[in-house]
Amino acid sequence: MYGLLDNLNDDLGLELDLPYQIFATSFNEPEVMEDEEETQEISPEGVTALLYTKEIECPVCRAKFNHTLVRESKLRLSHMEELRPVYKGFEPLCYDVTMCTTCGYATLKDRFDVVAERQRETLLTKLRFNYANFMPANFPVEMDIKMGVERYKYAMLTACMKKASLGEKAMILVKLSWLYKALGDMTNTQLFTRHANEVLTQAYQSERFPIFGMSESTVHFLLARFAVDLNDHPTALRFLSQIIVDKNVNSRLRDLARNMKEEINESK
């Protein structure tokens, strides 16, 4: 499956609002992971127990296909990386994108059925025409992180074609940065952090809350994290201060904001 989006270009008339290069398959040498527990694998039998398949119908081409889902009740939490849960020996983010094996329509699973008729017509004429012949008959039940990355890029392609909200595009980019981090690919982690920051900032400036299900304080925290990762400490401190003084923020998010603010001040 890897590489099907590598040849995207202006000639296809896809009108993407992100650089074509980010859709191409790109993986760099991983850096050494500090926490070995995150990289531990579980047995194939263990992975199988975490998954199940369900037949669904594509809202674009009306084909039926089997989609793999995660039994979330069976996941074992290792720890929290701020807003991202990390599980022992398994990465459920790989299964958050639902993708049709007939036409290539792909979205975050909670948005799969959200397609207006005008969007469906656009996807049928552009997405299916360009990629239907390359779709595999079935996707493997067990997916590695690299395959997860590829599926998120299809979800971003779909989001651009159907002119999805900036919040939806930002969430796809956020999860891509998390997957690249899980691979230890820090070059692409930084690249997709920068893109996620740009798109989420645009959403913050133009869309109403909740932005793709995220509260204002959650968006503030993500923008603060991006700013720290991109060495923009003044912006990070501005967003963190808004979280800390907000009386409606839950205690965990406020504690995370205080910890990040302390880390910034210590780094100075």
Protein backbone atom coordinates (compact mmCIF):
# COMPACT_ATOMS: atom_id res chain seq x y z
CA MET A 1 0.00 0.00 0.00
CA TYR A 2 2.89 2.36 0.67
CA GLY A 3 3.55 5.00 -1.92
CA LEU A 4 0.19 5.27 -3.69
CA LEU A 5 0.06 9.01 -3.00
CA ASP A 6 3.66 9.72 -3.94
CA ASN A 7 2.78 11.05 -7.40
CA LEU A 8 0.18 13.64 -6.44
CA ASN A 9 0.54 16.80 -8.50
CA ASP A 10 -1.36 19.79 -9.82
CA ASP A 11 -2.23 17.96 -13.04
CA LEU A 12 -4.89 15.94 -11.20
CA GLY A 13 -6.81 19.10 -10.31
CA LEU A 14 -7.31 18.03 -6.69
CA GLU A 15 -7.08 21.58 -5.29
CA LEU A 16 -5.31 20.56 -2.09
CA ASP A 17 -4.70 23.25 0.51
CA LEU A 18 -1.54 21.62 1.86
CA PRO A 19 1.82 20.97 0.16
CA TYR A 20 1.69 17.89 -2.06
CA GLN A 21 4.90 16.60 -0.48
CA ILE A 22 3.24 15.78 2.84
CA PHE A 23 1.04 13.14 1.17
CA ALA A 24 4.01 11.15 -0.12
CA THR A 25 5.34 8.16 1.78
CA SER A 26 8.26 9.40 3.85
CA PHE A 27 10.00 7.68 6.75
CA ASN A 28 13.37 8.53 8.28
CA GLU A 29 15.72 6.56 10.51
CA PRO A 30 14.23 6.31 14.01
CA GLU A 31 15.96 7.81 17.00
CA VAL A 32 16.55 5.61 20.02
CA MET A 33 13.43 5.47 22.18
CA GLU A 34 14.03 6.41 25.79
CA ASP A 35 11.19 4.24 27.12
CA GLU A 36 11.70 0.66 25.95
CA GLU A 37 8.28 -0.36 27.24
CA GLU A 38 6.63 1.59 24.42
CA THR A 39 8.47 -0.45 21.78
CA GLN A 40 7.73 -3.86 23.29
CA GLU A 41 5.61 -6.01 21.03
CA ILE A 42 2.86 -8.35 22.13
CA SER A 43 2.25 -11.79 20.66
CA PRO A 44 0.10 -12.16 17.52
CA GLU A 45 -2.48 -13.92 19.66
CA GLY A 46 -2.52 -10.91 21.95
CA VAL A 47 -3.05 -8.49 19.03
CA THR A 48 -5.86 -10.62 17.61
CA ALA A 49 -7.67 -10.46 20.93
CA LEU A 50 -7.63 -6.66 20.74
CA LEU A 51 -9.28 -6.49 17.31
CA TYR A 52 -12.55 -7.35 15.61
CA THR A 53 -13.99 -6.70 12.14
CA LYS A 54 -17.28 -5.17 11.11
CA GLU A 55 -18.86 -4.89 7.67
CA ILE A 56 -19.76 -1.33 6.74
CA GLU A 57 -20.99 0.46 3.62
CA CYS A 58 -19.03 3.25 2.00
CA PRO A 59 -21.17 6.42 1.83
CA VAL A 60 -19.38 7.48 -1.38
CA CYS A 61 -19.35 4.43 -3.69
CA ARG A 62 -21.87 2.29 -1.71
CA ALA A 63 -19.52 -0.72 -1.69
CA LYS A 64 -19.43 -2.91 1.41
CA PHE A 65 -16.16 -3.87 3.08
CA ASN A 66 -14.76 -5.17 6.35
CA HIS A 67 -13.24 -2.62 8.70
CA THR A 68 -11.04 -3.53 11.67
CA LEU A 69 -11.88 -1.97 15.03
CA VAL A 70 -10.18 -2.02 18.41
CA ARG A 71 -11.65 -3.56 21.56
CA GLU A 72 -10.83 -0.53 23.67
CA SER A 73 -11.85 -2.24 26.91
CA LYS A 74 -8.95 -4.69 26.46
CA LEU A 75 -6.22 -2.06 26.01
CA ARG A 76 -3.65 -1.73 28.78
CA LEU A 77 -2.63 1.87 29.43
CA SER A 78 1.10 2.38 29.87
CA HIS A 79 1.06 6.11 30.60
CA MET A 80 -0.23 9.45 29.36
CA GLU A 81 1.89 11.74 27.20
CA GLU A 82 -0.06 14.87 28.09
CA LEU A 83 -3.22 14.47 25.96
CA ARG A 84 -2.14 11.25 24.23
CA PRO A 85 -2.64 7.85 25.91
CA VAL A 86 0.19 5.36 25.29
CA TYR A 87 -0.72 1.67 25.52
CA LYS A 88 1.47 -1.34 26.26
CA GLY A 89 2.71 -3.01 23.09
CA PHE A 90 -0.05 -1.67 20.83
CA GLU A 91 -0.87 1.52 18.92
CA PRO A 92 -4.66 1.95 18.49
CA LEU A 93 -4.15 5.18 16.53
CA CYS A 94 -3.41 2.98 13.49
CA TYR A 95 -7.06 1.95 13.45
CA ASP A 96 -8.64 5.38 13.81
CA VAL A 97 -9.02 5.83 10.04
CA THR A 98 -11.75 4.00 8.15
CA MET A 99 -10.87 3.50 4.48
CA CYS A 100 -12.95 2.04 1.64
CA THR A 101 -11.14 -0.67 -0.30
CA THR A 102 -13.08 0.14 -3.47
CA CYS A 103 -12.78 3.91 -3.95
CA GLY A 104 -10.17 4.99 -1.39
CA TYR A 105 -12.50 7.26 0.61
CA ALA A 106 -10.92 7.60 4.06
CA THR A 107 -11.74 9.60 7.18
CA LEU A 108 -11.35 9.45 10.92
CA LYS A 109 -13.74 6.67 11.91
CA ASP A 110 -16.18 8.94 13.75
CA ARG A 111 -16.68 11.04 10.58
CA PHE A 112 -16.94 8.25 7.99
CA ASP A 113 -20.67 8.67 7.37
CA VAL A 114 -20.55 12.48 7.26
CA VAL A 115 -20.69 13.14 3.51
CA ALA A 116 -22.92 15.68 1.79
CA GLU A 117 -24.23 14.83 -1.69
CA ARG A 118 -22.08 17.50 -3.36
CA GLN A 119 -19.02 16.11 -1.55
CA ARG A 120 -19.90 12.60 -2.68
CA GLU A 121 -20.01 13.70 -6.32
CA THR A 122 -16.60 15.35 -6.02
CA LEU A 123 -15.08 12.29 -4.38
CA LEU A 124 -16.53 9.92 -6.94
CA THR A 125 -15.15 11.91 -9.87
CA LYS A 126 -11.71 12.74 -8.45
CA LEU A 127 -10.74 10.31 -5.72
CA ARG A 128 -12.20 7.16 -7.23
CA PHE A 129 -11.08 8.00 -10.76
CA ASN A 130 -7.46 8.45 -9.70
CA TYR A 131 -7.07 5.69 -7.10
CA ALA A 132 -9.75 2.99 -7.47
CA ASN A 133 -7.49 0.77 -9.59
CA PHE A 134 -4.78 0.82 -6.93
CA MET A 135 -6.90 -0.15 -3.91
CA PRO A 136 -6.08 -3.55 -2.40
CA ALA A 137 -8.94 -6.06 -2.24
CA ASN A 138 -8.61 -6.08 1.53
CA PHE A 139 -6.45 -4.44 4.15
CA PRO A 140 -4.66 -6.63 6.71
CA VAL A 141 -6.42 -7.01 10.04
CA GLU A 142 -3.20 -6.22 11.89
CA MET A 143 -1.59 -2.94 10.79
CA ASP A 144 1.82 -1.54 11.57
CA ILE A 145 2.43 2.14 12.29
CA LYS A 146 3.74 2.86 8.79
CA MET A 147 0.50 1.58 7.29
CA GLY A 148 -1.35 3.71 9.82
CA VAL A 149 0.57 6.76 8.59
CA GLU A 150 -0.38 5.99 4.99
CA ARG A 151 -4.07 5.69 5.89
CA TYR A 152 -4.02 9.05 7.71
CA LYS A 153 -2.59 10.63 4.57
CA TYR A 154 -5.52 9.21 2.59
CA ALA A 155 -7.80 10.71 5.24
CA MET A 156 -6.12 14.08 4.73
CA LEU A 157 -6.52 13.74 0.96
CA THR A 158 -10.23 13.04 1.45
CA ALA A 159 -10.57 15.95 3.89
CA CYS A 160 -9.04 18.34 1.36
CA MET A 161 -11.25 17.07 -1.47
CA LYS A 162 -14.50 17.36 0.46
CA LYS A 163 -13.38 20.67 2.01
CA ALA A 164 -13.67 19.40 5.58
CA SER A 165 -13.37 21.76 8.52
CA LEU A 166 -9.97 23.07 9.56
CA GLY A 167 -10.50 21.36 12.91
CA GLU A 168 -10.84 17.95 11.24
CA LYS A 169 -7.71 18.52 9.16
CA ALA A 170 -5.81 19.68 12.24
CA MET A 171 -6.75 16.53 14.15
CA ILE A 172 -5.49 14.33 11.31
CA LEU A 173 -2.19 16.22 11.34
CA VAL A 174 -1.93 15.97 15.13
CA LYS A 175 -2.34 12.21 15.00
CA LEU A 176 0.17 11.95 12.15
CA SER A 177 2.72 13.75 14.31
CA TRP A 178 1.98 11.31 17.15
CA LEU A 179 2.44 8.28 14.87
CA TYR A 180 5.74 9.57 13.51
CA LYS A 181 6.86 10.14 17.11
CA ALA A 182 5.90 6.55 17.95
CA LEU A 183 8.17 5.48 15.07
CA GLY A 184 11.00 7.58 16.47
CA ASP A 185 11.03 9.58 13.21
CA MET A 186 11.67 13.02 14.67
CA THR A 187 12.18 14.75 11.30
CA ASN A 188 8.62 14.00 10.24
CA THR A 189 7.34 14.53 13.77
CA GLN A 190 8.61 18.10 13.58
CA LEU A 191 7.24 18.57 10.05
CA PHE A 192 3.72 17.45 10.95
CA THR A 193 3.81 19.33 14.25
CA ARG A 194 4.43 22.49 12.24
CA HIS A 195 1.58 21.72 9.82
CA ALA A 196 -0.77 20.82 12.70
CA ASN A 197 0.10 24.09 14.42
CA GLU A 198 -0.62 26.13 11.28
CA VAL A 199 -3.98 24.48 10.56
CA LEU A 200 -5.17 24.42 14.19
CA THR A 201 -4.23 28.10 14.53
CA GLN A 202 -6.39 28.87 11.49
CA ALA A 203 -9.24 26.84 12.98
CA TYR A 204 -8.84 28.67 16.31
CA GLN A 205 -9.10 32.02 14.54
CA SER A 206 -12.08 31.17 12.31
CA GLU A 207 -14.19 28.31 13.71
CA ARG A 208 -16.57 28.12 16.63
CA PHE A 209 -15.98 25.93 19.66
CA PRO A 210 -15.98 23.07 20.13
CA ILE A 211 -13.45 22.66 17.31
CA PHE A 212 -13.81 19.06 16.13
CA GLY A 213 -15.02 18.14 19.61
CA MET A 214 -12.24 20.02 21.40
CA SER A 215 -12.93 22.66 24.04
CA GLU A 216 -11.19 26.02 23.97
CA SER A 217 -8.83 24.99 26.79
CA THR A 218 -7.86 21.79 24.96
CA VAL A 219 -7.06 23.78 21.82
CA HIS A 220 -5.07 26.25 23.93
CA PHE A 221 -3.04 23.38 25.35
CA LEU A 222 -2.33 21.83 21.95
CA LEU A 223 -1.24 25.20 20.55
CA ALA A 224 0.98 25.69 23.60
CA ARG A 225 2.57 22.27 23.08
CA PHE A 226 3.16 22.99 19.40
CA ALA A 227 4.69 26.35 20.29
CA VAL A 228 7.10 24.71 22.75
CA ASP A 229 8.08 22.06 20.19
CA LEU A 230 8.69 24.84 17.64
CA ASN A 231 10.67 26.95 20.17
CA ASP A 232 8.07 29.71 20.34
CA HIS A 233 7.99 30.16 24.11
CA PRO A 234 6.13 33.51 24.25
CA THR A 235 3.17 32.02 22.38
CA ALA A 236 3.23 28.93 24.56
CA LEU A 237 3.22 30.99 27.77
CA ARG A 238 0.31 33.09 26.51
CA PHE A 239 -1.87 30.03 25.91
CA LEU A 240 -0.79 28.33 29.14
CA SER A 241 -1.66 31.41 31.17
CA GLN A 242 -5.18 31.39 29.70
CA ILE A 243 -5.61 27.77 30.80
CA ILE A 244 -4.31 28.35 34.31
CA VAL A 245 -6.64 31.29 35.05
CA ASP A 246 -9.72 29.63 33.52
CA LYS A 247 -11.96 28.53 36.41
CA ASN A 248 -13.80 26.03 34.19
CA VAL A 249 -10.69 24.02 33.23
CA ASN A 250 -10.43 20.55 34.75
CA SER A 251 -7.66 20.05 37.29
CA ARG A 252 -5.61 17.63 35.16
CA LEU A 253 -5.35 20.04 32.23
CA ARG A 254 -4.51 22.90 34.58
CA ASP A 255 -1.74 20.80 36.18
CA LEU A 256 -0.36 19.94 32.73
CA ALA A 257 -0.34 23.65 31.84
CA ARG A 258 1.46 24.55 35.07
CA ASN A 259 4.06 21.83 34.53
CA MET A 260 4.72 23.00 30.98
CA LYS A 261 5.01 26.60 32.13
CA GLU A 262 7.55 25.58 34.80
CA GLU A 263 9.57 23.67 32.21
CA ILE A 264 9.67 26.73 29.95
CA ASN A 265 10.75 29.00 32.79
CA GLU A 266 13.45 26.54 33.87
CA SER A 267 14.76 26.28 30.31
CA LYS A 268 15.29 30.04 30.27
